[in-house]
Amino acid sequence: MKIMVCPLNGPRNISEFVYGGEVTKMPDPNSCSDAEWADYVFYSDNNIGVVREWWLHAATSFWFIADRHTGTDNVVRTYHASEIFNKRVEFAPKLEKAET
């Protein structure tokens, strides 16, 4: 049985977790193009090596970050997202252009 250590709940069976994608730098949502935003949301680099990833403990809805080697599937470290993300990002409403 594979075990992952949840920063909130401790060691748990891997079946309790859901992969959420790579942690990447978010483009400015107020100035980036639709293509840049889609690239951020839907695509990953898919490199072999240690990758920083989002994971969800499904039973508690707790999101956290794991550093995982994608070649060996070894989880190097898990930690609370606040270690990296320490400020709020504000999203301005996107105004549609009026048709003439």
PDB file of N, CA and C in Angstrom:
ATOM      1  N   MET A   1       0.844  -1.167   0.000  1.00  0.00           N
ATOM      2  CA  MET A   1       0.000   0.000   0.000  1.00  0.00           C
ATOM      3  C   MET A   1       0.897   1.241   0.000  1.00  0.00           C
ATOM      4  N   LYS A   2       0.580   2.200  -0.890  1.00  0.00           N
ATOM      5  CA  LYS A   2       1.350   3.433  -0.961  1.00  0.00           C
ATOM      6  C   LYS A   2       0.747   4.454  -0.002  1.00  0.00           C
ATOM      7  N   ILE A   3       1.614   5.122   0.727  1.00  0.00           N
ATOM      8  CA  ILE A   3       1.209   6.097   1.732  1.00  0.00           C
ATOM      9  C   ILE A   3       1.717   7.477   1.326  1.00  0.00           C
ATOM     10  N   MET A   4       0.861   8.491   1.482  1.00  0.00           N
ATOM     11  CA  MET A   4       1.288   9.884   1.312  1.00  0.00           C
ATOM     12  C   MET A   4       1.031  10.593   2.642  1.00  0.00           C
ATOM     13  N   VAL A   5       1.946  11.474   3.019  1.00  0.00           N
ATOM     14  CA  VAL A   5       1.792  12.210   4.270  1.00  0.00           C
ATOM     15  C   VAL A   5       1.075  13.524   3.975  1.00  0.00           C
ATOM     16  N   CYS A   6      -0.133  13.646   4.489  1.00  0.00           N
ATOM     17  CA  CYS A   6      -0.898  14.880   4.372  1.00  0.00           C
ATOM     18  C   CYS A   6      -0.426  15.836   5.472  1.00  0.00           C
ATOM     19  N   PRO A   7      -0.121  17.101   5.141  1.00  0.00           N
ATOM     20  CA  PRO A   7       0.319  18.033   6.177  1.00  0.00           C
ATOM     21  C   PRO A   7      -0.726  18.286   7.261  1.00  0.00           C
ATOM     22  N   LEU A   8      -1.997  18.068   6.959  1.00  0.00           N
ATOM     23  CA  LEU A   8      -3.054  18.277   7.932  1.00  0.00           C
ATOM     24  C   LEU A   8      -3.422  16.997   8.680  1.00  0.00           C
ATOM     25  N   ASN A   9      -3.481  15.868   7.961  1.00  0.00           N
ATOM     26  CA  ASN A   9      -4.019  14.620   8.514  1.00  0.00           C
ATOM     27  C   ASN A   9      -2.995  13.522   8.753  1.00  0.00           C
ATOM     28  N   GLY A  10      -1.738  13.755   8.401  1.00  0.00           N
ATOM     29  CA  GLY A  10      -0.710  12.742   8.603  1.00  0.00           C
ATOM     30  C   GLY A  10      -0.711  11.689   7.510  1.00  0.00           C
ATOM     31  N   PRO A  11      -0.048  10.545   7.746  1.00  0.00           N
ATOM     32  CA  PRO A  11       0.067   9.490   6.734  1.00  0.00           C
ATOM     33  C   PRO A  11      -1.296   8.888   6.390  1.00  0.00           C
ATOM     34  N   ARG A  12      -1.601   8.829   5.090  1.00  0.00           N
ATOM     35  CA  ARG A  12      -2.877   8.295   4.618  1.00  0.00           C
ATOM     36  C   ARG A  12      -2.644   7.457   3.369  1.00  0.00           C
ATOM     37  N   ASN A  13      -3.577   6.565   3.085  1.00  0.00           N
ATOM     38  CA  ASN A  13      -3.528   5.753   1.873  1.00  0.00           C
ATOM     39  C   ASN A  13      -3.618   6.671   0.653  1.00  0.00           C
ATOM     40  N   ILE A  14      -2.823   6.399  -0.362  1.00  0.00           N
ATOM     41  CA  ILE A  14      -2.769   7.242  -1.555  1.00  0.00           C
ATOM     42  C   ILE A  14      -4.135   7.343  -2.249  1.00  0.00           C
ATOM     43  N   SER A  15      -5.008   6.378  -2.035  1.00  0.00           N
ATOM     44  CA  SER A  15      -6.326   6.415  -2.669  1.00  0.00           C
ATOM     45  C   SER A  15      -7.198   7.563  -2.147  1.00  0.00           C
ATOM     46  N   GLU A  16      -6.797   8.188  -1.042  1.00  0.00           N
ATOM     47  CA  GLU A  16      -7.550   9.308  -0.482  1.00  0.00           C
ATOM     48  C   GLU A  16      -7.195  10.645  -1.134  1.00  0.00           C
ATOM     49  N   PHE A  17      -6.246  10.641  -2.077  1.00  0.00           N
ATOM     50  CA  PHE A  17      -5.747  11.884  -2.653  1.00  0.00           C
ATOM     51  C   PHE A  17      -6.090  12.005  -4.123  1.00  0.00           C
ATOM     52  N   VAL A  18      -6.199  13.262  -4.569  1.00  0.00           N
ATOM     53  CA  VAL A  18      -6.466  13.575  -5.970  1.00  0.00           C
ATOM     54  C   VAL A  18      -5.380  14.534  -6.447  1.00  0.00           C
ATOM     55  N   TYR A  19      -4.770  14.212  -7.584  1.00  0.00           N
ATOM     56  CA  TYR A  19      -3.731  15.059  -8.184  1.00  0.00           C
ATOM     57  C   TYR A  19      -4.382  16.313  -8.749  1.00  0.00           C
ATOM     58  N   GLY A  20      -3.745  17.477  -8.516  1.00  0.00           N
ATOM     59  CA  GLY A  20      -4.322  18.735  -8.977  1.00  0.00           C
ATOM     60  C   GLY A  20      -3.495  19.495  -9.993  1.00  0.00           C
ATOM     61  N   GLY A  21      -2.386  18.928 -10.458  1.00  0.00           N
ATOM     62  CA  GLY A  21      -1.569  19.601 -11.464  1.00  0.00           C
ATOM     63  C   GLY A  21      -0.320  20.226 -10.877  1.00  0.00           C
ATOM     64  N   GLU A  22       0.538  20.701 -11.773  1.00  0.00           N
ATOM     65  CA  GLU A  22       1.793  21.325 -11.365  1.00  0.00           C
ATOM     66  C   GLU A  22       1.544  22.698 -10.771  1.00  0.00           C
ATOM     67  N   VAL A  23       2.387  23.075  -9.830  1.00  0.00           N
ATOM     68  CA  VAL A  23       2.374  24.431  -9.295  1.00  0.00           C
ATOM     69  C   VAL A  23       3.253  25.255 -10.219  1.00  0.00           C
ATOM     70  N   THR A  24       2.652  26.220 -10.893  1.00  0.00           N
ATOM     71  CA  THR A  24       3.394  27.077 -11.805  1.00  0.00           C
ATOM     72  C   THR A  24       3.057  28.531 -11.521  1.00  0.00           C
ATOM     73  N   LYS A  25       3.874  29.425 -12.024  1.00  0.00           N
ATOM     74  CA  LYS A  25       3.642  30.851 -11.825  1.00  0.00           C
ATOM     75  C   LYS A  25       2.416  31.278 -12.617  1.00  0.00           C
ATOM     76  N   MET A  26       1.496  31.920 -11.941  1.00  0.00           N
ATOM     77  CA  MET A  26       0.269  32.365 -12.578  1.00  0.00           C
ATOM     78  C   MET A  26       0.508  33.680 -13.318  1.00  0.00           C
ATOM     79  N   PRO A  27       0.081  33.759 -14.578  1.00  0.00           N
ATOM     80  CA  PRO A  27       0.187  35.042 -15.274  1.00  0.00           C
ATOM     81  C   PRO A  27      -0.794  36.039 -14.669  1.00  0.00           C
ATOM     82  N   ASP A  28      -0.568  37.312 -14.913  1.00  0.00           N
ATOM     83  CA  ASP A  28      -1.473  38.342 -14.392  1.00  0.00           C
ATOM     84  C   ASP A  28      -2.837  38.164 -15.057  1.00  0.00           C
ATOM     85  N   PRO A  29      -3.861  37.785 -14.296  1.00  0.00           N
ATOM     86  CA  PRO A  29      -5.168  37.512 -14.895  1.00  0.00           C
ATOM     87  C   PRO A  29      -5.833  38.750 -15.483  1.00  0.00           C
ATOM     88  N   ASN A  30      -5.355  39.926 -15.106  1.00  0.00           N
ATOM     89  CA  ASN A  30      -5.957  41.159 -15.597  1.00  0.00           C
ATOM     90  C   ASN A  30      -5.327  41.669 -16.883  1.00  0.00           C
ATOM     91  N   SER A  31      -4.177  41.087 -17.270  1.00  0.00           N
ATOM     92  CA  SER A  31      -3.517  41.596 -18.476  1.00  0.00           C
ATOM     93  C   SER A  31      -3.068  40.510 -19.454  1.00  0.00           C
ATOM     94  N   CYS A  32      -3.151  39.255 -19.086  1.00  0.00           N
ATOM     95  CA  CYS A  32      -2.678  38.200 -19.996  1.00  0.00           C
ATOM     96  C   CYS A  32      -3.732  37.916 -21.075  1.00  0.00           C
ATOM     97  N   SER A  33      -3.272  37.301 -22.150  1.00  0.00           N
ATOM     98  CA  SER A  33      -4.186  36.938 -23.231  1.00  0.00           C
ATOM     99  C   SER A  33      -4.944  35.663 -22.863  1.00  0.00           C
ATOM    100  N   ASP A  34      -6.001  35.382 -23.596  1.00  0.00           N
ATOM    101  CA  ASP A  34      -6.754  34.150 -23.378  1.00  0.00           C
ATOM    102  C   ASP A  34      -5.873  32.932 -23.605  1.00  0.00           C
ATOM    103  N   ALA A  35      -4.970  33.008 -24.588  1.00  0.00           N
ATOM    104  CA  ALA A  35      -4.069  31.888 -24.886  1.00  0.00           C
ATOM    105  C   ALA A  35      -3.098  31.645 -23.730  1.00  0.00           C
ATOM    106  N   GLU A  36      -2.581  32.718 -23.145  1.00  0.00           N
ATOM    107  CA  GLU A  36      -1.670  32.577 -21.999  1.00  0.00           C
ATOM    108  C   GLU A  36      -2.407  31.976 -20.806  1.00  0.00           C
ATOM    109  N   TRP A  37      -3.643  32.406 -20.573  1.00  0.00           N
ATOM    110  CA  TRP A  37      -4.419  31.877 -19.452  1.00  0.00           C
ATOM    111  C   TRP A  37      -4.731  30.400 -19.675  1.00  0.00           C
ATOM    112  N   ALA A  38      -5.120  30.027 -20.897  1.00  0.00           N
ATOM    113  CA  ALA A  38      -5.413  28.628 -21.211  1.00  0.00           C
ATOM    114  C   ALA A  38      -4.171  27.766 -21.033  1.00  0.00           C
ATOM    115  N   ASP A  39      -3.009  28.279 -21.439  1.00  0.00           N
ATOM    116  CA  ASP A  39      -1.756  27.537 -21.262  1.00  0.00           C
ATOM    117  C   ASP A  39      -1.493  27.299 -19.779  1.00  0.00           C
ATOM    118  N   TYR A  40      -1.734  28.299 -18.952  1.00  0.00           N
ATOM    119  CA  TYR A  40      -1.532  28.166 -17.504  1.00  0.00           C
ATOM    120  C   TYR A  40      -2.496  27.146 -16.898  1.00  0.00           C
ATOM    121  N   VAL A  41      -3.752  27.188 -17.306  1.00  0.00           N
ATOM    122  CA  VAL A  41      -4.775  26.336 -16.705  1.00  0.00           C
ATOM    123  C   VAL A  41      -4.698  24.886 -17.190  1.00  0.00           C
ATOM    124  N   PHE A  42      -4.443  24.672 -18.483  1.00  0.00           N
ATOM    125  CA  PHE A  42      -4.619  23.345 -19.066  1.00  0.00           C
ATOM    126  C   PHE A  42      -3.342  22.574 -19.406  1.00  0.00           C
ATOM    127  N   TYR A  43      -2.190  23.221 -19.463  1.00  0.00           N
ATOM    128  CA  TYR A  43      -0.986  22.522 -19.909  1.00  0.00           C
ATOM    129  C   TYR A  43       0.063  22.447 -18.815  1.00  0.00           C
ATOM    130  N   SER A  44       0.880  21.402 -18.863  1.00  0.00           N
ATOM    131  CA  SER A  44       1.982  21.255 -17.914  1.00  0.00           C
ATOM    132  C   SER A  44       3.267  20.975 -18.683  1.00  0.00           C
ATOM    133  N   ASP A  45       4.399  21.179 -18.020  1.00  0.00           N
ATOM    134  CA  ASP A  45       5.691  20.961 -18.667  1.00  0.00           C
ATOM    135  C   ASP A  45       5.989  19.476 -18.857  1.00  0.00           C
ATOM    136  N   ASN A  46       5.476  18.621 -17.958  1.00  0.00           N
ATOM    137  CA  ASN A  46       5.629  17.174 -18.058  1.00  0.00           C
ATOM    138  C   ASN A  46       7.094  16.738 -18.078  1.00  0.00           C
ATOM    139  N   ASN A  47       7.908  17.343 -17.200  1.00  0.00           N
ATOM    140  CA  ASN A  47       9.331  17.003 -17.101  1.00  0.00           C
ATOM    141  C   ASN A  47       9.552  15.815 -16.182  1.00  0.00           C
ATOM    142  N   ILE A  48      10.653  15.098 -16.400  1.00  0.00           N
ATOM    143  CA  ILE A  48      11.063  14.049 -15.475  1.00  0.00           C
ATOM    144  C   ILE A  48      12.004  14.679 -14.462  1.00  0.00           C
ATOM    145  N   GLY A  49      11.714  14.458 -13.207  1.00  0.00           N
ATOM    146  CA  GLY A  49      12.492  15.038 -12.116  1.00  0.00           C
ATOM    147  C   GLY A  49      11.554  15.420 -10.995  1.00  0.00           C
ATOM    148  N   VAL A  50      12.064  16.158 -10.027  1.00  0.00           N
ATOM    149  CA  VAL A  50      11.240  16.586  -8.905  1.00  0.00           C
ATOM    150  C   VAL A  50      10.378  17.762  -9.363  1.00  0.00           C
ATOM    151  N   VAL A  51       9.067  17.590  -9.233  1.00  0.00           N
ATOM    152  CA  VAL A  51       8.099  18.582  -9.676  1.00  0.00           C
ATOM    153  C   VAL A  51       7.225  18.971  -8.489  1.00  0.00           C
ATOM    154  N   ARG A  52       6.939  20.258  -8.387  1.00  0.00           N
ATOM    155  CA  ARG A  52       6.049  20.769  -7.337  1.00  0.00           C
ATOM    156  C   ARG A  52       4.617  20.652  -7.849  1.00  0.00           C
ATOM    157  N   GLU A  53       3.751  19.970  -7.062  1.00  0.00           N
ATOM    158  CA  GLU A  53       2.396  19.666  -7.512  1.00  0.00           C
ATOM    159  C   GLU A  53       1.345  19.987  -6.453  1.00  0.00           C
ATOM    160  N   TRP A  54       0.150  20.298  -6.934  1.00  0.00           N
ATOM    161  CA  TRP A  54      -1.012  20.432  -6.057  1.00  0.00           C
ATOM    162  C   TRP A  54      -1.611  19.064  -5.807  1.00  0.00           C
ATOM    163  N   TRP A  55      -2.000  18.789  -4.561  1.00  0.00           N
ATOM    164  CA  TRP A  55      -2.701  17.562  -4.209  1.00  0.00           C
ATOM    165  C   TRP A  55      -3.864  17.911  -3.287  1.00  0.00           C
ATOM    166  N   LEU A  56      -4.916  17.125  -3.375  1.00  0.00           N
ATOM    167  CA  LEU A  56      -6.102  17.307  -2.540  1.00  0.00           C
ATOM    168  C   LEU A  56      -6.330  16.061  -1.709  1.00  0.00           C
ATOM    169  N   HIS A  57      -6.491  16.245  -0.389  1.00  0.00           N
ATOM    170  CA  HIS A  57      -6.941  15.136   0.439  1.00  0.00           C
ATOM    171  C   HIS A  57      -8.456  15.159   0.335  1.00  0.00           C
ATOM    172  N   ALA A  58      -9.030  14.214  -0.409  1.00  0.00           N
ATOM    173  CA  ALA A  58     -10.448  14.236  -0.771  1.00  0.00           C
ATOM    174  C   ALA A  58     -11.377  14.168   0.435  1.00  0.00           C
ATOM    175  N   ALA A  59     -10.999  13.418   1.450  1.00  0.00           N
ATOM    176  CA  ALA A  59     -11.882  13.250   2.610  1.00  0.00           C
ATOM    177  C   ALA A  59     -12.093  14.546   3.384  1.00  0.00           C
ATOM    178  N   THR A  60     -11.100  15.447   3.368  1.00  0.00           N
ATOM    179  CA  THR A  60     -11.206  16.690   4.128  1.00  0.00           C
ATOM    180  C   THR A  60     -11.211  17.934   3.246  1.00  0.00           C
ATOM    181  N   SER A  61     -11.089  17.753   1.931  1.00  0.00           N
ATOM    182  CA  SER A  61     -11.023  18.874   0.974  1.00  0.00           C
ATOM    183  C   SER A  61      -9.852  19.808   1.277  1.00  0.00           C
ATOM    184  N   PHE A  62      -8.746  19.242   1.738  1.00  0.00           N
ATOM    185  CA  PHE A  62      -7.564  20.022   2.084  1.00  0.00           C
ATOM    186  C   PHE A  62      -6.561  19.984   0.933  1.00  0.00           C
ATOM    187  N   TRP A  63      -6.273  21.167   0.361  1.00  0.00           N
ATOM    188  CA  TRP A  63      -5.277  21.284  -0.704  1.00  0.00           C
ATOM    189  C   TRP A  63      -3.909  21.548  -0.098  1.00  0.00           C
ATOM    190  N   PHE A  64      -2.887  20.890  -0.648  1.00  0.00           N
ATOM    191  CA  PHE A  64      -1.520  21.100  -0.181  1.00  0.00           C
ATOM    192  C   PHE A  64      -0.573  20.879  -1.346  1.00  0.00           C
ATOM    193  N   ILE A  65       0.708  21.040  -1.096  1.00  0.00           N
ATOM    194  CA  ILE A  65       1.716  20.908  -2.146  1.00  0.00           C
ATOM    195  C   ILE A  65       2.636  19.742  -1.825  1.00  0.00           C
ATOM    196  N   ALA A  66       2.987  19.007  -2.872  1.00  0.00           N
ATOM    197  CA  ALA A  66       3.938  17.905  -2.738  1.00  0.00           C
ATOM    198  C   ALA A  66       5.041  18.074  -3.770  1.00  0.00           C
ATOM    199  N   ASP A  67       6.268  17.821  -3.369  1.00  0.00           N
ATOM    200  CA  ASP A  67       7.388  17.729  -4.300  1.00  0.00           C
ATOM    201  C   ASP A  67       7.546  16.243  -4.601  1.00  0.00           C
ATOM    202  N   ARG A  68       7.335  15.871  -5.875  1.00  0.00           N
ATOM    203  CA  ARG A  68       7.327  14.457  -6.265  1.00  0.00           C
ATOM    204  C   ARG A  68       8.240  14.247  -7.453  1.00  0.00           C
ATOM    205  N   HIS A  69       9.048  13.176  -7.412  1.00  0.00           N
ATOM    206  CA  HIS A  69       9.886  12.814  -8.555  1.00  0.00           C
ATOM    207  C   HIS A  69       9.009  12.062  -9.542  1.00  0.00           C
ATOM    208  N   THR A  70       8.825  12.626 -10.722  1.00  0.00           N
ATOM    209  CA  THR A  70       7.897  12.046 -11.693  1.00  0.00           C
ATOM    210  C   THR A  70       8.425  10.765 -12.340  1.00  0.00           C
ATOM    211  N   GLY A  71       9.717  10.532 -12.257  1.00  0.00           N
ATOM    212  CA  GLY A  71      10.273   9.302 -12.823  1.00  0.00           C
ATOM    213  C   GLY A  71      10.125   8.108 -11.899  1.00  0.00           C
ATOM    214  N   THR A  72      10.327   8.340 -10.602  1.00  0.00           N
ATOM    215  CA  THR A  72      10.249   7.251  -9.627  1.00  0.00           C
ATOM    216  C   THR A  72       8.925   7.238  -8.862  1.00  0.00           C
ATOM    217  N   ASP A  73       8.141   8.297  -8.984  1.00  0.00           N
ATOM    218  CA  ASP A  73       6.879   8.493  -8.259  1.00  0.00           C
ATOM    219  C   ASP A  73       7.106   8.594  -6.754  1.00  0.00           C
ATOM    220  N   ASN A  74       8.317   8.958  -6.351  1.00  0.00           N
ATOM    221  CA  ASN A  74       8.642   9.113  -4.939  1.00  0.00           C
ATOM    222  C   ASN A  74       8.260  10.514  -4.472  1.00  0.00           C
ATOM    223  N   VAL A  75       7.453  10.604  -3.424  1.00  0.00           N
ATOM    224  CA  VAL A  75       7.092  11.901  -2.850  1.00  0.00           C
ATOM    225  C   VAL A  75       8.213  12.323  -1.919  1.00  0.00           C
ATOM    226  N   VAL A  76       8.888  13.407  -2.274  1.00  0.00           N
ATOM    227  CA  VAL A  76      10.037  13.889  -1.525  1.00  0.00           C
ATOM    228  C   VAL A  76       9.591  14.642  -0.279  1.00  0.00           C
ATOM    229  N   ARG A  77       8.551  15.467  -0.441  1.00  0.00           N
ATOM    230  CA  ARG A  77       8.106  16.324   0.666  1.00  0.00           C
ATOM    231  C   ARG A  77       6.679  16.771   0.416  1.00  0.00           C
ATOM    232  N   THR A  78       5.893  16.924   1.477  1.00  0.00           N
ATOM    233  CA  THR A  78       4.568  17.525   1.396  1.00  0.00           C
ATOM    234  C   THR A  78       4.517  18.681   2.388  1.00  0.00           C
ATOM    235  N   TYR A  79       3.781  19.741   2.029  1.00  0.00           N
ATOM    236  CA  TYR A  79       3.726  20.903   2.913  1.00  0.00           C
ATOM    237  C   TYR A  79       2.514  21.771   2.598  1.00  0.00           C
ATOM    238  N   HIS A  80       2.179  22.613   3.561  1.00  0.00           N
ATOM    239  CA  HIS A  80       1.037  23.509   3.452  1.00  0.00           C
ATOM    240  C   HIS A  80       1.328  24.560   2.370  1.00  0.00           C
ATOM    241  N   ALA A  81       0.347  24.914   1.580  1.00  0.00           N
ATOM    242  CA  ALA A  81       0.514  25.875   0.488  1.00  0.00           C
ATOM    243  C   ALA A  81       0.936  27.255   0.967  1.00  0.00           C
ATOM    244  N   SER A  82       0.675  27.584   2.213  1.00  0.00           N
ATOM    245  CA  SER A  82       1.041  28.907   2.736  1.00  0.00           C
ATOM    246  C   SER A  82       2.553  29.117   2.795  1.00  0.00           C
ATOM    247  N   GLU A  83       3.334  28.050   2.666  1.00  0.00           N
ATOM    248  CA  GLU A  83       4.788  28.207   2.615  1.00  0.00           C
ATOM    249  C   GLU A  83       5.217  28.930   1.345  1.00  0.00           C
ATOM    250  N   ILE A  84       4.403  28.841   0.297  1.00  0.00           N
ATOM    251  CA  ILE A  84       4.727  29.483  -0.977  1.00  0.00           C
ATOM    252  C   ILE A  84       3.804  30.663  -1.251  1.00  0.00           C
ATOM    253  N   PHE A  85       2.518  30.459  -1.016  1.00  0.00           N
ATOM    254  CA  PHE A  85       1.518  31.472  -1.340  1.00  0.00           C
ATOM    255  C   PHE A  85       1.126  32.224  -0.079  1.00  0.00           C
ATOM    256  N   ASN A  86       1.562  33.475   0.012  1.00  0.00           N
ATOM    257  CA  ASN A  86       1.321  34.241   1.228  1.00  0.00           C
ATOM    258  C   ASN A  86       0.603  35.566   0.976  1.00  0.00           C
ATOM    259  N   LYS A  87       0.077  35.760  -0.228  1.00  0.00           N
ATOM    260  CA  LYS A  87      -0.719  36.955  -0.487  1.00  0.00           C
ATOM    261  C   LYS A  87      -1.884  36.607  -1.402  1.00  0.00           C
ATOM    262  N   ARG A  88      -2.937  37.382  -1.293  1.00  0.00           N
ATOM    263  CA  ARG A  88      -4.154  37.164  -2.056  1.00  0.00           C
ATOM    264  C   ARG A  88      -4.020  37.790  -3.442  1.00  0.00           C
ATOM    265  N   VAL A  89      -4.539  37.120  -4.451  1.00  0.00           N
ATOM    266  CA  VAL A  89      -4.557  37.648  -5.809  1.00  0.00           C
ATOM    267  C   VAL A  89      -5.959  38.139  -6.103  1.00  0.00           C
ATOM    268  N   GLU A  90      -6.055  39.395  -6.491  1.00  0.00           N
ATOM    269  CA  GLU A  90      -7.355  39.976  -6.820  1.00  0.00           C
ATOM    270  C   GLU A  90      -7.611  39.838  -8.322  1.00  0.00           C
ATOM    271  N   PHE A  91      -8.806  39.425  -8.665  1.00  0.00           N
ATOM    272  CA  PHE A  91      -9.214  39.290 -10.053  1.00  0.00           C
ATOM    273  C   PHE A  91     -10.200  40.399 -10.381  1.00  0.00           C
ATOM    274  N   ALA A  92      -9.856  41.240 -11.337  1.00  0.00           N
ATOM    275  CA  ALA A  92     -10.775  42.284 -11.786  1.00  0.00           C
ATOM    276  C   ALA A  92     -11.746  41.662 -12.787  1.00  0.00           C
ATOM    277  N   PRO A  93     -12.992  42.094 -12.792  1.00  0.00           N
ATOM    278  CA  PRO A  93     -13.929  41.548 -13.771  1.00  0.00           C
ATOM    279  C   PRO A  93     -13.491  41.925 -15.180  1.00  0.00           C
ATOM    280  N   LYS A  94     -13.577  40.973 -16.086  1.00  0.00           N
ATOM    281  CA  LYS A  94     -13.178  41.224 -17.463  1.00  0.00           C
ATOM    282  C   LYS A  94     -14.390  41.790 -18.197  1.00  0.00           C
ATOM    283  N   LEU A  95     -14.221  42.967 -18.736  1.00  0.00           N
ATOM    284  CA  LEU A  95     -15.314  43.624 -19.443  1.00  0.00           C
ATOM    285  C   LEU A  95     -15.332  43.193 -20.893  1.00  0.00           C
ATOM    286  N   GLU A  96     -16.495  42.869 -21.384  1.00  0.00           N
ATOM    287  CA  GLU A  96     -16.658  42.484 -22.791  1.00  0.00           C
ATOM    288  C   GLU A  96     -16.664  43.751 -23.635  1.00  0.00           C
ATOM    289  N   LYS A  97     -16.091  43.660 -24.820  1.00  0.00           N
ATOM    290  CA  LYS A  97     -16.093  44.810 -25.739  1.00  0.00           C
ATOM    291  C   LYS A  97     -17.484  44.942 -26.345  1.00  0.00           C
ATOM    292  N   ALA A  98     -17.959  46.165 -26.391  1.00  0.00           N
ATOM    293  CA  ALA A  98     -19.272  46.427 -26.982  1.00  0.00           C
ATOM    294  C   ALA A  98     -19.189  46.324 -28.499  1.00  0.00           C
ATOM    295  N   GLU A  99     -20.162  45.672 -29.097  1.00  0.00           N
ATOM    296  CA  GLU A  99     -20.192  45.549 -30.556  1.00  0.00           C
ATOM    297  C   GLU A  99     -20.822  46.809 -31.128  1.00  0.00           C
ATOM    298  N   THR A 100     -20.279  47.245 -32.269  1.00  0.00           N
ATOM    299  CA  THR A 100     -20.821  48.439 -32.913  1.00  0.00           C
ATOM    300  C   THR A 100     -21.555  48.121 -34.175  1.00  0.00           C
TER     301      THR A 100
END
